[in-house]
């Protein structure tokens, strides 16, 4: 056998062993866990869900209610961190090309 035939034989054996012991498994990631933007970290994603939950709690509350104040405080901090993450991401992209 020459080198090419041995390589093909090795690849065939490797494929059969891989198929036998390490079968492919298709995993579906739930839609709510897909991160769409590169600057959106897992922590920001979790904060986004928390902010949405706080919003739903204070929908029909007056502005002086404690739940509304909690939502506005949390939302302001979340938006500030989100904007910082966005700026950092774009600065990194621009630094690559400069």
N, C-alpha and C. Protein backbone atom coordinates (compact mmCIF):
# COMPACT_ATOMS: atom_id res chain seq x y z
N UNK A 1 0.85 -1.19 0.00
CA UNK A 1 0.00 0.00 0.00
C UNK A 1 0.89 1.25 0.00
N UNK A 2 0.49 2.19 -0.78
CA UNK A 2 1.23 3.45 -0.75
C UNK A 2 0.65 4.36 0.33
N UNK A 3 1.21 5.52 0.48
CA UNK A 3 0.84 6.42 1.57
C UNK A 3 -0.62 6.88 1.43
N UNK A 4 -1.05 7.18 0.22
CA UNK A 4 -2.41 7.67 0.02
C UNK A 4 -3.45 6.62 0.38
N UNK A 5 -3.20 5.37 0.01
CA UNK A 5 -4.14 4.29 0.34
C UNK A 5 -4.20 4.06 1.84
N UNK A 6 -3.05 4.11 2.51
CA UNK A 6 -3.03 3.95 3.97
C UNK A 6 -3.78 5.09 4.66
N UNK A 7 -3.60 6.30 4.14
CA UNK A 7 -4.30 7.45 4.73
C UNK A 7 -5.81 7.29 4.58
N UNK A 8 -6.27 6.87 3.42
CA UNK A 8 -7.70 6.66 3.20
C UNK A 8 -8.23 5.56 4.11
N UNK A 9 -7.45 4.49 4.26
CA UNK A 9 -7.84 3.39 5.16
C UNK A 9 -7.91 3.88 6.61
N UNK A 10 -6.94 4.69 7.03
CA UNK A 10 -6.94 5.25 8.39
C UNK A 10 -8.16 6.14 8.62
N UNK A 11 -8.48 6.98 7.66
CA UNK A 11 -9.64 7.87 7.79
C UNK A 11 -10.93 7.07 7.87
N UNK A 12 -11.05 6.00 7.08
CA UNK A 12 -12.24 5.16 7.15
C UNK A 12 -12.39 4.51 8.51
N UNK A 13 -11.31 3.98 9.07
CA UNK A 13 -11.37 3.38 10.39
C UNK A 13 -11.71 4.42 11.46
N UNK A 14 -11.12 5.59 11.34
CA UNK A 14 -11.39 6.67 12.28
C UNK A 14 -12.87 7.09 12.22
N UNK A 15 -13.42 7.18 11.02
CA UNK A 15 -14.83 7.53 10.87
C UNK A 15 -15.75 6.49 11.50
N UNK A 16 -15.46 5.21 11.31
CA UNK A 16 -16.32 4.17 11.88
C UNK A 16 -16.25 4.20 13.41
N UNK A 17 -15.06 4.38 13.96
CA UNK A 17 -14.92 4.43 15.42
C UNK A 17 -15.62 5.67 15.98
N UNK A 18 -15.46 6.79 15.30
CA UNK A 18 -16.10 8.04 15.75
C UNK A 18 -17.62 7.91 15.70
N UNK A 19 -18.14 7.33 14.62
CA UNK A 19 -19.59 7.14 14.51
C UNK A 19 -20.12 6.19 15.56
N UNK A 20 -19.31 5.22 15.97
CA UNK A 20 -19.75 4.24 16.95
C UNK A 20 -19.78 4.82 18.36
N UNK A 21 -18.75 5.57 18.74
CA UNK A 21 -18.63 6.02 20.12
C UNK A 21 -18.96 7.50 20.36
N UNK A 22 -18.93 8.31 19.34
CA UNK A 22 -19.21 9.74 19.50
C UNK A 22 -20.23 10.17 18.45
N UNK A 23 -21.45 9.72 18.65
CA UNK A 23 -22.49 10.03 17.67
C UNK A 23 -22.88 11.50 17.76
N UNK A 24 -23.26 12.03 16.61
CA UNK A 24 -23.70 13.42 16.56
C UNK A 24 -25.06 13.56 17.21
N UNK A 25 -25.21 14.60 17.99
CA UNK A 25 -26.48 14.86 18.65
C UNK A 25 -26.88 16.29 18.31
N UNK A 26 -28.07 16.46 17.78
CA UNK A 26 -28.51 17.79 17.42
C UNK A 26 -29.20 18.43 18.63
N UNK A 27 -28.71 19.61 18.99
CA UNK A 27 -29.22 20.32 20.15
C UNK A 27 -29.89 21.59 19.66
N UNK A 28 -31.08 21.84 20.15
CA UNK A 28 -31.78 23.06 19.79
C UNK A 28 -31.67 24.06 20.95
N UNK A 29 -31.14 25.24 20.65
CA UNK A 29 -31.00 26.28 21.66
C UNK A 29 -32.29 27.08 21.69
N UNK A 30 -32.89 27.24 22.87
CA UNK A 30 -34.12 28.03 22.95
C UNK A 30 -33.91 29.46 22.46
N UNK A 31 -34.93 30.02 21.86
CA UNK A 31 -34.86 31.33 21.24
C UNK A 31 -34.44 32.42 22.23
N UNK A 32 -34.87 32.30 23.47
CA UNK A 32 -34.58 33.36 24.43
C UNK A 32 -33.12 33.36 24.88
N UNK A 33 -32.35 32.30 24.58
CA UNK A 33 -30.95 32.24 24.98
C UNK A 33 -29.98 32.56 23.85
N UNK A 34 -30.49 32.92 22.69
CA UNK A 34 -29.62 33.25 21.57
C UNK A 34 -29.17 34.69 21.72
N UNK A 35 -27.88 34.91 21.73
CA UNK A 35 -27.32 36.24 21.84
C UNK A 35 -27.08 36.76 20.43
N UNK A 36 -27.75 37.84 20.07
CA UNK A 36 -27.70 38.31 18.70
C UNK A 36 -26.59 39.31 18.44
N UNK A 37 -26.32 40.19 19.35
CA UNK A 37 -25.31 41.22 19.15
C UNK A 37 -24.01 40.79 19.80
N UNK A 38 -22.88 41.12 19.17
CA UNK A 38 -21.60 40.67 19.75
C UNK A 38 -21.27 41.35 21.07
N UNK A 39 -21.81 42.51 21.33
CA UNK A 39 -21.53 43.21 22.58
C UNK A 39 -22.45 42.76 23.70
N UNK A 40 -23.46 41.99 23.39
CA UNK A 40 -24.43 41.55 24.39
C UNK A 40 -23.88 40.32 25.11
N UNK A 41 -23.36 40.53 26.31
CA UNK A 41 -22.81 39.43 27.08
C UNK A 41 -23.93 38.68 27.78
N UNK A 42 -23.58 37.56 28.37
CA UNK A 42 -24.58 36.78 29.08
C UNK A 42 -25.12 37.53 30.29
N UNK A 43 -24.26 38.30 30.96
CA UNK A 43 -24.70 39.11 32.09
C UNK A 43 -25.68 40.19 31.67
N UNK A 44 -25.41 40.86 30.54
CA UNK A 44 -26.34 41.87 30.05
C UNK A 44 -27.65 41.24 29.60
N UNK A 45 -27.56 40.05 29.06
CA UNK A 45 -28.76 39.33 28.64
C UNK A 45 -29.63 39.00 29.84
N UNK A 46 -29.02 38.55 30.92
CA UNK A 46 -29.75 38.26 32.16
C UNK A 46 -30.35 39.53 32.74
N UNK A 47 -29.60 40.62 32.69
CA UNK A 47 -30.11 41.90 33.18
C UNK A 47 -31.28 42.38 32.34
N UNK A 48 -31.24 42.11 31.06
CA UNK A 48 -32.35 42.49 30.19
C UNK A 48 -33.63 41.77 30.58
N UNK A 49 -33.51 40.48 30.86
CA UNK A 49 -34.70 39.73 31.29
C UNK A 49 -35.21 40.23 32.63
N UNK A 50 -34.29 40.56 33.56
CA UNK A 50 -34.70 41.09 34.86
C UNK A 50 -35.40 42.43 34.69
N UNK A 51 -34.87 43.27 33.82
CA UNK A 51 -35.47 44.58 33.56
C UNK A 51 -36.88 44.41 32.98
N UNK A 52 -37.06 43.44 32.11
CA UNK A 52 -38.38 43.18 31.54
C UNK A 52 -39.35 42.71 32.61
N UNK A 53 -38.89 41.85 33.51
CA UNK A 53 -39.74 41.38 34.61
C UNK A 53 -40.16 42.53 35.51
N UNK A 54 -39.20 43.41 35.83
CA UNK A 54 -39.54 44.57 36.66
C UNK A 54 -40.53 45.49 35.95
N UNK A 55 -40.39 45.61 34.64
CA UNK A 55 -41.33 46.44 33.88
C UNK A 55 -42.75 45.88 33.96
N UNK A 56 -42.88 44.57 33.83
CA UNK A 56 -44.20 43.96 33.89
C UNK A 56 -44.83 44.08 35.27
N UNK A 57 -44.00 44.15 36.30
CA UNK A 57 -44.54 44.34 37.65
C UNK A 57 -45.07 45.75 37.87
N UNK A 58 -44.49 46.75 37.19
CA UNK A 58 -44.87 48.13 37.48
C UNK A 58 -45.71 48.76 36.37
N UNK A 59 -46.33 47.98 35.53
CA UNK A 59 -47.08 48.54 34.39
C UNK A 59 -48.18 49.49 34.85
N UNK A 60 -49.00 49.09 35.78
CA UNK A 60 -50.14 49.92 36.19
C UNK A 60 -49.92 50.58 37.55
N UNK A 61 -48.70 50.85 37.87
CA UNK A 61 -48.38 51.50 39.14
C UNK A 61 -48.16 52.99 38.91
N UNK A 62 -48.35 53.77 39.97
CA UNK A 62 -48.06 55.19 39.87
C UNK A 62 -46.57 55.40 40.02
N UNK A 63 -46.09 56.56 39.63
CA UNK A 63 -44.65 56.81 39.61
C UNK A 63 -44.03 56.89 41.00
N UNK A 64 -44.83 57.10 41.99
CA UNK A 64 -44.27 57.18 43.35
C UNK A 64 -44.20 55.81 44.02
N UNK A 65 -44.73 54.79 43.38
CA UNK A 65 -44.71 53.44 43.95
C UNK A 65 -43.28 52.89 43.93
N UNK A 66 -42.97 52.04 44.90
CA UNK A 66 -41.61 51.52 45.06
C UNK A 66 -41.21 50.61 43.89
N UNK A 67 -42.15 49.83 43.34
CA UNK A 67 -41.80 48.96 42.21
C UNK A 67 -41.42 49.77 40.98
N UNK A 68 -42.10 50.90 40.77
CA UNK A 68 -41.76 51.76 39.64
C UNK A 68 -40.37 52.38 39.82
N UNK A 69 -40.06 52.79 41.05
CA UNK A 69 -38.74 53.35 41.32
C UNK A 69 -37.65 52.30 41.12
N UNK A 70 -37.91 51.07 41.57
CA UNK A 70 -36.94 50.00 41.36
C UNK A 70 -36.70 49.75 39.88
N UNK A 71 -37.78 49.77 39.10
CA UNK A 71 -37.65 49.56 37.66
C UNK A 71 -36.82 50.67 37.01
N UNK A 72 -37.09 51.92 37.37
CA UNK A 72 -36.35 53.01 36.74
C UNK A 72 -34.87 53.00 37.13
N UNK A 73 -34.57 52.69 38.39
CA UNK A 73 -33.18 52.60 38.82
C UNK A 73 -32.45 51.48 38.08
N UNK A 74 -33.09 50.32 38.07
CA UNK A 74 -32.48 49.16 37.41
C UNK A 74 -32.33 49.40 35.91
N UNK A 75 -33.35 50.00 35.31
CA UNK A 75 -33.30 50.28 33.88
C UNK A 75 -32.21 51.27 33.52
N UNK A 76 -32.02 52.29 34.34
CA UNK A 76 -30.96 53.26 34.09
C UNK A 76 -29.58 52.61 34.17
N UNK A 77 -29.37 51.79 35.18
CA UNK A 77 -28.07 51.10 35.32
C UNK A 77 -27.85 50.14 34.16
N UNK A 78 -28.90 49.41 33.79
CA UNK A 78 -28.80 48.47 32.68
C UNK A 78 -28.46 49.19 31.37
N UNK A 79 -29.14 50.29 31.09
CA UNK A 79 -28.87 51.03 29.85
C UNK A 79 -27.46 51.62 29.83
N UNK A 80 -26.99 52.08 30.99
CA UNK A 80 -25.64 52.62 31.07
C UNK A 80 -24.61 51.53 30.76
N UNK A 81 -24.78 50.36 31.36
CA UNK A 81 -23.85 49.26 31.13
C UNK A 81 -23.92 48.76 29.69
N UNK A 82 -25.11 48.75 29.13
CA UNK A 82 -25.29 48.31 27.75
C UNK A 82 -24.57 49.26 26.79
N UNK A 83 -24.68 50.56 27.04
CA UNK A 83 -24.01 51.53 26.18
C UNK A 83 -22.49 51.43 26.31
N UNK A 84 -22.01 51.18 27.52
CA UNK A 84 -20.56 51.02 27.72
C UNK A 84 -20.06 49.79 26.97
N UNK A 85 -20.81 48.70 27.04
CA UNK A 85 -20.42 47.47 26.34
C UNK A 85 -20.42 47.69 24.83
N UNK A 86 -21.40 48.42 24.33
CA UNK A 86 -21.46 48.73 22.90
C UNK A 86 -20.25 49.55 22.47
N UNK A 87 -19.94 50.58 23.24
CA UNK A 87 -18.79 51.43 22.90
C UNK A 87 -17.50 50.63 22.90
N UNK A 88 -17.31 49.79 23.92
CA UNK A 88 -16.09 48.99 24.00
C UNK A 88 -15.97 48.04 22.80
N UNK A 89 -17.08 47.44 22.41
CA UNK A 89 -17.07 46.52 21.27
C UNK A 89 -16.66 47.25 20.00
N UNK A 90 -17.23 48.42 19.76
CA UNK A 90 -16.90 49.15 18.54
C UNK A 90 -15.49 49.72 18.58
N UNK A 91 -15.01 50.12 19.76
CA UNK A 91 -13.64 50.57 19.86
C UNK A 91 -12.67 49.43 19.53
N UNK A 92 -12.98 48.22 19.98
CA UNK A 92 -12.13 47.07 19.66
C UNK A 92 -12.11 46.79 18.16
N UNK A 93 -13.27 46.92 17.52
CA UNK A 93 -13.34 46.69 16.08
C UNK A 93 -12.53 47.75 15.34
N UNK A 94 -12.66 49.02 15.74
CA UNK A 94 -11.92 50.08 15.08
C UNK A 94 -10.42 49.96 15.32
N UNK A 95 -10.03 49.51 16.50
CA UNK A 95 -8.61 49.35 16.79
C UNK A 95 -7.96 48.28 15.93
N UNK A 96 -8.72 47.29 15.49
CA UNK A 96 -8.18 46.25 14.61
C UNK A 96 -7.74 46.83 13.28
N UNK A 97 -8.47 47.82 12.80
CA UNK A 97 -8.20 48.35 11.47
C UNK A 97 -7.34 49.60 11.45
N UNK A 98 -6.97 50.07 12.62
CA UNK A 98 -6.12 51.26 12.67
C UNK A 98 -4.68 50.87 12.85
